[in-house]
Amino acid sequence: MTHIPVMLEQAVDVLVHRLDGFYIDCTFGRGGHSAAILDKLSDQGRLMVIDKDPEAIAVAQTSMGHDARVSIVHGSFAQIKDACCGLSG
């Protein structure tokens, strides 16, 4: 079954204000919102995706793992502080 994100364009338009900003998708799922955010970001923009589901992480690694702007974290959004502190550069 395919998930269709609700109000995708509207949510991303409201969220993404800086093309070189840092954004976090705390519930990656299958990546619909993350992909739309990434499409708006410049080469200097950054996106962290977090999910507890190993299948979601596998999707993230396959679909976005090649993109240097993306950090993929297997865990809960409750660990967001630790995940952000673990970023380098």
Protein backbone atom coordinates (compact mmCIF):
# COMPACT_ATOMS: atom_id res chain seq x y z
CA MET A 1 0.00 0.00 0.00
CA THR A 2 1.28 3.45 -0.91
CA HIS A 3 1.00 6.35 1.53
CA ILE A 4 -0.17 9.63 0.04
CA PRO A 5 0.93 12.60 2.18
CA VAL A 6 -1.92 14.96 3.05
CA MET A 7 -1.48 18.64 2.14
CA LEU A 8 2.11 17.97 1.10
CA GLU A 9 2.74 21.16 -0.86
CA GLN A 10 1.01 23.38 1.69
CA ALA A 11 2.94 21.89 4.63
CA VAL A 12 6.30 22.18 2.89
CA ASP A 13 5.61 25.71 1.65
CA VAL A 14 4.85 26.83 5.22
CA LEU A 15 7.81 24.96 6.69
CA VAL A 16 10.69 25.73 4.32
CA HIS A 17 11.65 29.39 4.66
CA ARG A 18 15.40 29.15 4.11
CA LEU A 19 16.72 27.16 1.20
CA ASP A 20 20.01 26.74 3.06
CA GLY A 21 18.32 25.90 6.37
CA PHE A 22 18.41 22.79 8.56
CA TYR A 23 15.19 20.78 8.75
CA ILE A 24 14.21 17.62 10.60
CA ASP A 25 11.54 15.07 9.67
CA CYS A 26 10.96 13.25 12.96
CA THR A 27 8.71 10.59 11.44
CA PHE A 28 10.22 9.76 8.04
CA GLY A 29 7.73 7.00 7.21
CA ARG A 30 8.16 6.48 3.49
CA GLY A 31 9.69 9.89 2.83
CA GLY A 32 7.01 11.89 1.05
CA HIS A 33 7.46 15.04 3.11
CA SER A 34 11.23 14.59 3.31
CA ALA A 35 11.54 14.32 -0.47
CA ALA A 36 9.47 17.49 -0.93
CA ILE A 37 11.60 19.36 1.63
CA LEU A 38 14.79 18.15 -0.02
CA ASP A 39 13.54 19.29 -3.43
CA LYS A 40 13.30 22.85 -2.09
CA LEU A 41 16.70 22.97 -0.38
CA SER A 42 19.84 24.41 -1.90
CA ASP A 43 23.16 22.57 -1.92
CA GLN A 44 23.87 24.12 1.49
CA GLY A 45 20.53 23.05 3.01
CA ARG A 46 20.40 20.08 5.36
CA LEU A 47 17.75 17.52 6.26
CA MET A 48 17.79 15.03 9.12
CA VAL A 49 15.30 12.17 8.97
CA ILE A 50 14.42 10.07 12.00
CA ASP A 51 12.30 6.94 12.31
CA LYS A 52 12.01 3.97 14.67
CA ASP A 53 10.88 1.59 11.93
CA PRO A 54 13.79 -0.34 10.37
CA GLU A 55 11.86 -0.58 7.09
CA ALA A 56 11.49 3.21 7.00
CA ILE A 57 15.22 3.58 7.60
CA ALA A 58 15.91 1.16 4.74
CA VAL A 59 13.70 3.30 2.47
CA ALA A 60 15.56 6.43 3.60
CA GLN A 61 18.93 4.85 2.91
CA THR A 62 17.84 3.70 -0.53
CA SER A 63 16.11 6.89 -1.58
CA MET A 64 18.23 9.56 0.15
CA GLY A 65 21.38 7.92 1.46
CA HIS A 66 23.38 9.14 -1.54
CA ASP A 67 22.56 12.79 -0.82
CA ALA A 68 25.22 14.55 1.29
CA ARG A 69 22.58 16.97 2.58
CA VAL A 70 20.73 14.16 4.39
CA SER A 71 21.45 12.58 7.78
CA ILE A 72 19.51 9.39 8.54
CA VAL A 73 18.88 8.43 12.17
CA HIS A 74 17.35 5.15 13.30
CA GLY A 75 15.60 6.03 16.54
CA SER A 76 12.81 7.96 18.17
CA PHE A 77 12.13 11.66 17.82
CA ALA A 78 12.48 11.66 21.60
CA GLN A 79 16.23 11.32 20.90
CA ILE A 80 16.33 14.43 18.70
CA LYS A 81 18.72 16.33 20.99
CA ASP A 82 21.25 13.50 20.95
CA ALA A 83 20.86 13.08 17.19
CA CYS A 84 21.49 16.77 16.54
CA CYS A 85 24.46 16.87 18.90
CA GLY A 86 25.98 13.95 16.99
CA LEU A 87 26.13 15.87 13.71
CA SER A 88 29.52 16.94 12.49
CA GLY A 89 30.43 20.00 10.48
